[in-house]
Amino acid sequence: MTQEGTTNMTTFQGGKTVFGATLGILMLETRFPRIPGDMGNALTWPFPVQYRVVRGASPQKVVLDDPTDLLDIFVAAGRDLVQSGCDGITTNCGFLSLLQHELTHALDVPVASSSLMQVPMIQATLPPKKRVGILTISAKTLTNAHLAAAGVPLDTPIMGTNPEGEFSRKILGDAYEIDFERCRIDMQKAARAFIEAHPDLGAIVLECTNMVPYADDIRRLTGLPVYSVYTLATWFQAGLLPRRFPLQLDDSRETQPT
């Protein structure tokens, strides 16, 4: 405080390395290309983020195998993000819901591990007899354990993309080249099959973080609201760094104090 009792606005306290990027993203170790909209493309975000690559955590090990075997390296990378200045952590794979409980305990900051965590909240917004559905990159390996860890009802409808299609095959195979137009077609086919199989769908949650670039296509095709890791992370960030509003009216008219 100054002698006049006002705060000195030129002196600040530190304590971390990076400021202004409060959201940290734990990335799988991959080489496939990531277009805007993909979580791993920094141009996707309307705010700064920090990344850490979890070395050794491949799509194969996380999606098709058991990611709990990788807990220690995810915790180490998460702690590095926290020490760098992140106030909240998310990940770039919906299958990492299996690590939600352990990461929140180990990192001591809020953690939003999976887009699947949105399902209960979205369900509460829907009209009666409408349900949330999950579109995933691997329906075969998305288990009840993944759903339960994210608080998702076990009877939630699930649809997977074609395992032999461009999207699933190239992402899970960590391909160096991807035809993104063919990926778009894969996503559209899966979405169309989903609404045909489940006419009671009221909204769709995209499990895979690489699906975000196609959210608008799915919305236009199905007519349903589409949620993803992008909607999760932007909501999460809004709490980590709330928007500051001026304590004044934006009104050009002269006003008299009351």
Protein backbone atom coordinates (compact mmCIF):
# COMPACT_ATOMS: atom_id res chain seq x y z
CA MET A 1 0.00 0.00 0.00
CA THR A 2 1.14 3.56 -0.65
CA GLN A 3 1.08 6.26 2.01
CA GLU A 4 -2.24 7.47 0.64
CA GLY A 5 -3.74 4.00 1.20
CA THR A 6 -3.94 3.00 -2.48
CA THR A 7 -2.36 -0.09 -4.05
CA ASN A 8 0.97 0.32 -5.82
CA MET A 9 0.05 -0.87 -9.33
CA THR A 10 3.66 -1.09 -10.57
CA THR A 11 4.88 -3.75 -8.14
CA PHE A 12 3.79 -7.38 -8.60
CA GLN A 13 4.65 -10.76 -7.11
CA GLY A 14 6.01 -13.67 -9.14
CA GLY A 15 6.33 -17.33 -8.28
CA LYS A 16 6.05 -19.03 -11.65
CA THR A 17 7.82 -18.99 -14.99
CA VAL A 18 5.07 -18.36 -17.55
CA PHE A 19 2.21 -15.91 -17.08
CA GLY A 20 -0.98 -15.47 -19.09
CA ALA A 21 -1.23 -19.12 -20.21
CA THR A 22 -3.16 -20.79 -17.43
CA LEU A 23 -4.32 -23.93 -19.27
CA GLY A 24 -1.85 -26.77 -19.67
CA ILE A 25 -2.36 -29.57 -22.22
CA LEU A 26 -0.79 -33.01 -21.84
CA MET A 27 -0.06 -34.27 -25.35
CA LEU A 28 0.45 -37.81 -26.55
CA GLU A 29 3.72 -38.32 -28.40
CA THR A 30 2.75 -38.33 -32.09
CA ARG A 31 3.97 -37.32 -35.53
CA PHE A 32 0.73 -37.10 -37.54
CA PRO A 33 -0.24 -33.66 -38.90
CA ARG A 34 -2.64 -31.53 -36.87
CA ILE A 35 -4.82 -28.96 -38.62
CA PRO A 36 -6.48 -25.96 -36.91
CA GLY A 37 -9.28 -27.27 -34.74
CA ASP A 38 -7.13 -30.15 -33.57
CA MET A 39 -6.17 -29.76 -29.91
CA GLY A 40 -2.49 -30.05 -30.80
CA ASN A 41 -2.57 -27.07 -33.16
CA ALA A 42 -1.99 -23.94 -31.07
CA LEU A 43 -3.97 -21.85 -33.58
CA THR A 44 -7.09 -23.66 -32.37
CA TRP A 45 -7.24 -21.73 -29.13
CA PRO A 46 -8.56 -18.18 -28.60
CA PHE A 47 -6.23 -17.92 -25.58
CA PRO A 48 -2.62 -18.93 -24.88
CA VAL A 49 -1.99 -22.50 -23.73
CA GLN A 50 1.05 -24.46 -22.60
CA TYR A 51 1.90 -27.92 -23.94
CA ARG A 52 3.92 -30.84 -22.63
CA VAL A 53 4.51 -33.96 -24.71
CA VAL A 54 4.26 -37.12 -22.61
CA ARG A 55 7.16 -39.06 -24.09
CA GLY A 56 6.27 -42.68 -24.73
CA ALA A 57 2.50 -42.15 -24.60
CA SER A 58 1.45 -43.17 -28.11
CA PRO A 59 -2.14 -43.39 -29.46
CA GLN A 60 -1.72 -47.17 -29.51
CA LYS A 61 -0.82 -47.33 -25.81
CA VAL A 62 -3.53 -44.91 -24.69
CA VAL A 63 -6.49 -45.88 -26.89
CA LEU A 64 -5.93 -49.55 -27.68
CA ASP A 65 -3.98 -50.60 -24.57
CA ASP A 66 -4.19 -49.59 -20.89
CA PRO A 67 -3.23 -45.93 -20.22
CA THR A 68 -3.07 -46.53 -16.47
CA ASP A 69 0.32 -48.14 -17.12
CA LEU A 70 1.50 -44.65 -18.14
CA LEU A 71 0.29 -42.82 -15.04
CA ASP A 72 3.75 -41.91 -13.73
CA ILE A 73 4.87 -40.17 -16.91
CA PHE A 74 1.58 -38.26 -17.18
CA VAL A 75 1.96 -37.09 -13.58
CA ALA A 76 5.55 -35.98 -14.22
CA ALA A 77 4.56 -33.98 -17.31
CA GLY A 78 1.56 -32.51 -15.49
CA ARG A 79 3.71 -31.38 -12.58
CA ASP A 80 6.06 -29.70 -15.03
CA LEU A 81 3.12 -27.75 -16.47
CA VAL A 82 1.97 -26.70 -13.00
CA GLN A 83 5.48 -25.58 -12.07
CA SER A 84 5.60 -23.60 -15.32
CA GLY A 85 2.51 -21.65 -14.29
CA CYS A 86 -0.58 -23.62 -15.31
CA ASP A 87 -3.59 -23.42 -13.01
CA GLY A 88 -5.51 -26.24 -14.71
CA ILE A 89 -4.62 -29.29 -16.79
CA THR A 90 -6.36 -31.11 -19.62
CA THR A 91 -5.27 -33.87 -21.99
CA ASN A 92 -5.52 -34.58 -25.69
CA CYS A 93 -7.27 -37.95 -25.54
CA GLY A 94 -10.74 -38.80 -24.28
CA PHE A 95 -9.55 -42.25 -23.20
CA LEU A 96 -7.50 -40.60 -20.46
CA SER A 97 -10.63 -40.33 -18.33
CA LEU A 98 -9.11 -43.41 -16.68
CA LEU A 99 -6.46 -41.13 -15.15
CA GLN A 100 -8.84 -38.40 -13.95
CA HIS A 101 -8.90 -39.40 -10.28
CA GLU A 102 -5.16 -40.01 -10.03
CA LEU A 103 -4.19 -36.80 -11.84
CA THR A 104 -6.36 -34.56 -9.66
CA HIS A 105 -4.75 -36.04 -6.56
CA ALA A 106 -1.19 -35.91 -7.89
CA LEU A 107 -1.23 -32.44 -9.47
CA ASP A 108 -3.18 -30.49 -6.83
CA VAL A 109 -4.86 -28.29 -9.49
CA PRO A 110 -8.14 -28.77 -11.40
CA VAL A 111 -7.90 -31.45 -14.09
CA ALA A 112 -10.33 -32.01 -16.98
CA SER A 113 -8.97 -35.18 -18.55
CA SER A 114 -11.64 -36.04 -21.11
CA SER A 115 -14.42 -34.52 -23.22
CA LEU A 116 -16.61 -37.35 -21.86
CA MET A 117 -16.88 -35.44 -18.58
CA GLN A 118 -19.42 -33.15 -20.26
CA VAL A 119 -21.98 -35.90 -20.82
CA PRO A 120 -23.89 -35.57 -17.49
CA MET A 121 -24.16 -31.79 -17.81
CA ILE A 122 -25.30 -31.94 -21.43
CA GLN A 123 -27.86 -34.62 -20.59
CA ALA A 124 -29.37 -32.25 -18.03
CA THR A 125 -29.99 -29.69 -20.79
CA LEU A 126 -31.92 -32.01 -23.10
CA PRO A 127 -35.67 -32.44 -23.46
CA PRO A 128 -37.26 -35.55 -21.97
CA LYS A 129 -36.62 -38.79 -23.90
CA LYS A 130 -33.54 -37.32 -25.61
CA ARG A 131 -30.08 -38.71 -24.87
CA VAL A 132 -26.47 -37.73 -25.32
CA GLY A 133 -24.45 -39.97 -27.63
CA ILE A 134 -20.68 -40.44 -27.80
CA LEU A 135 -18.81 -40.58 -31.10
CA THR A 136 -15.43 -42.24 -30.58
CA ILE A 137 -12.37 -43.23 -32.55
CA SER A 138 -12.50 -46.75 -31.07
CA ALA A 139 -15.84 -48.14 -29.94
CA LYS A 140 -14.19 -51.52 -29.33
CA THR A 141 -11.90 -50.24 -26.58
CA LEU A 142 -14.09 -47.54 -25.01
CA THR A 143 -15.19 -49.50 -21.96
CA ASN A 144 -17.53 -49.05 -19.03
CA ALA A 145 -14.47 -48.18 -16.96
CA HIS A 146 -13.77 -45.15 -19.20
CA LEU A 147 -17.40 -44.05 -18.93
CA ALA A 148 -17.62 -44.52 -15.17
CA ALA A 149 -14.40 -42.56 -14.61
CA ALA A 150 -15.98 -39.59 -16.42
CA GLY A 151 -19.35 -39.92 -14.66
CA VAL A 152 -21.09 -41.11 -17.83
CA PRO A 153 -24.13 -43.43 -17.56
CA LEU A 154 -23.18 -46.88 -18.77
CA ASP A 155 -26.19 -47.12 -21.10
CA THR A 156 -25.07 -44.05 -23.08
CA PRO A 157 -25.22 -44.70 -26.87
CA ILE A 158 -21.79 -45.05 -28.49
CA MET A 159 -20.76 -45.04 -32.15
CA GLY A 160 -17.25 -45.52 -33.50
CA THR A 161 -15.68 -44.32 -36.70
CA ASN A 162 -14.77 -47.00 -39.25
CA PRO A 163 -11.64 -48.79 -37.90
CA GLU A 164 -10.39 -49.19 -41.46
CA GLY A 165 -11.21 -45.65 -42.53
CA GLU A 166 -8.73 -42.83 -43.04
CA PHE A 167 -9.49 -41.15 -39.74
CA SER A 168 -9.18 -44.07 -37.31
CA ARG A 169 -6.45 -45.91 -39.18
CA LYS A 170 -4.18 -42.91 -39.67
CA ILE A 171 -4.64 -41.36 -36.22
CA LEU A 172 -4.23 -44.59 -34.28
CA GLY A 173 -1.39 -45.63 -36.58
CA ASP A 174 0.32 -42.24 -36.10
CA ALA A 175 0.71 -41.81 -39.86
CA TYR A 176 3.02 -39.16 -41.26
CA GLU A 177 0.45 -38.18 -43.92
CA ILE A 178 -3.33 -37.83 -43.61
CA ASP A 179 -6.02 -37.03 -46.18
CA PHE A 180 -8.26 -34.76 -44.13
CA GLU A 181 -11.04 -34.67 -46.70
CA ARG A 182 -11.34 -38.44 -46.44
CA CYS A 183 -11.36 -38.02 -42.66
CA ARG A 184 -14.28 -35.62 -43.03
CA ILE A 185 -16.18 -38.22 -45.04
CA ASP A 186 -15.46 -40.85 -42.37
CA MET A 187 -16.84 -38.54 -39.68
CA GLN A 188 -19.96 -37.76 -41.70
CA LYS A 189 -20.64 -41.44 -42.34
CA ALA A 190 -20.27 -42.27 -38.65
CA ALA A 191 -22.55 -39.40 -37.63
CA ARG A 192 -25.20 -40.44 -40.15
CA ALA A 193 -25.08 -44.04 -38.95
CA PHE A 194 -25.34 -42.82 -35.36
CA ILE A 195 -28.57 -40.87 -35.79
CA GLU A 196 -30.08 -43.67 -37.86
CA ALA A 197 -29.28 -46.22 -35.14
CA HIS A 198 -30.39 -43.94 -32.30
CA PRO A 199 -33.20 -41.58 -33.35
CA ASP A 200 -33.54 -40.44 -29.72
CA LEU A 201 -30.19 -38.64 -29.77
CA GLY A 202 -30.40 -35.05 -28.57
CA ALA A 203 -26.70 -34.16 -28.64
CA ILE A 204 -23.34 -35.67 -29.57
CA VAL A 205 -20.08 -35.60 -27.63
CA LEU A 206 -16.90 -36.19 -29.61
CA GLU A 207 -14.59 -38.39 -27.54
CA CYS A 208 -11.54 -37.94 -29.73
CA THR A 209 -9.75 -34.59 -29.64
CA ASN A 210 -8.83 -34.96 -33.32
CA MET A 211 -12.53 -34.82 -34.24
CA VAL A 212 -12.96 -31.12 -33.43
CA PRO A 213 -12.30 -29.89 -37.01
CA TYR A 214 -15.40 -31.84 -38.12
CA ALA A 215 -17.79 -30.69 -35.38
CA ASP A 216 -19.48 -28.18 -37.66
CA ASP A 217 -19.96 -30.82 -40.38
CA ILE A 218 -21.60 -33.14 -37.85
CA ARG A 219 -23.84 -30.37 -36.53
CA ARG A 220 -25.02 -29.50 -40.05
CA LEU A 221 -25.59 -33.13 -41.00
CA THR A 222 -27.41 -34.23 -37.84
CA GLY A 223 -29.00 -30.98 -36.70
CA LEU A 224 -27.83 -31.82 -33.16
CA PRO A 225 -25.62 -29.83 -30.77
CA VAL A 226 -22.06 -31.13 -30.91
CA TYR A 227 -19.66 -30.95 -27.97
CA SER A 228 -15.96 -31.76 -27.87
CA VAL A 229 -12.72 -31.17 -26.03
CA TYR A 230 -12.86 -27.65 -27.48
CA THR A 231 -16.09 -26.86 -25.66
CA LEU A 232 -14.69 -28.51 -22.51
CA ALA A 233 -11.40 -26.61 -22.57
CA THR A 234 -12.92 -23.21 -23.35
CA TRP A 235 -15.39 -23.67 -20.48
CA PHE A 236 -12.54 -24.83 -18.22
CA GLN A 237 -10.37 -21.86 -19.16
CA ALA A 238 -13.22 -19.42 -18.47
CA GLY A 239 -13.00 -20.42 -14.83
CA LEU A 240 -9.20 -20.43 -14.66
CA LEU A 241 -8.98 -16.91 -16.00
CA PRO A 242 -12.40 -15.18 -15.79
CA ARG A 243 -13.04 -12.29 -18.12
CA ARG A 244 -12.73 -8.94 -16.37
CA PHE A 245 -15.60 -6.52 -16.95
CA PRO A 246 -15.41 -2.77 -16.31
CA LEU A 247 -17.57 -1.42 -13.50
CA GLN A 248 -19.24 1.10 -15.76
CA LEU A 249 -22.01 1.44 -18.35
CA ASP A 250 -21.09 1.48 -22.02
CA ASP A 251 -23.51 4.32 -22.73
CA SER A 252 -22.70 7.56 -24.48
CA ARG A 253 -25.63 9.36 -22.88
CA GLU A 254 -24.86 11.55 -19.94
CA THR A 255 -26.12 10.04 -16.73
CA GLN A 256 -26.64 11.56 -13.34
CA PRO A 257 -25.32 9.77 -10.24
CA THR A 258 -28.00 8.37 -7.98
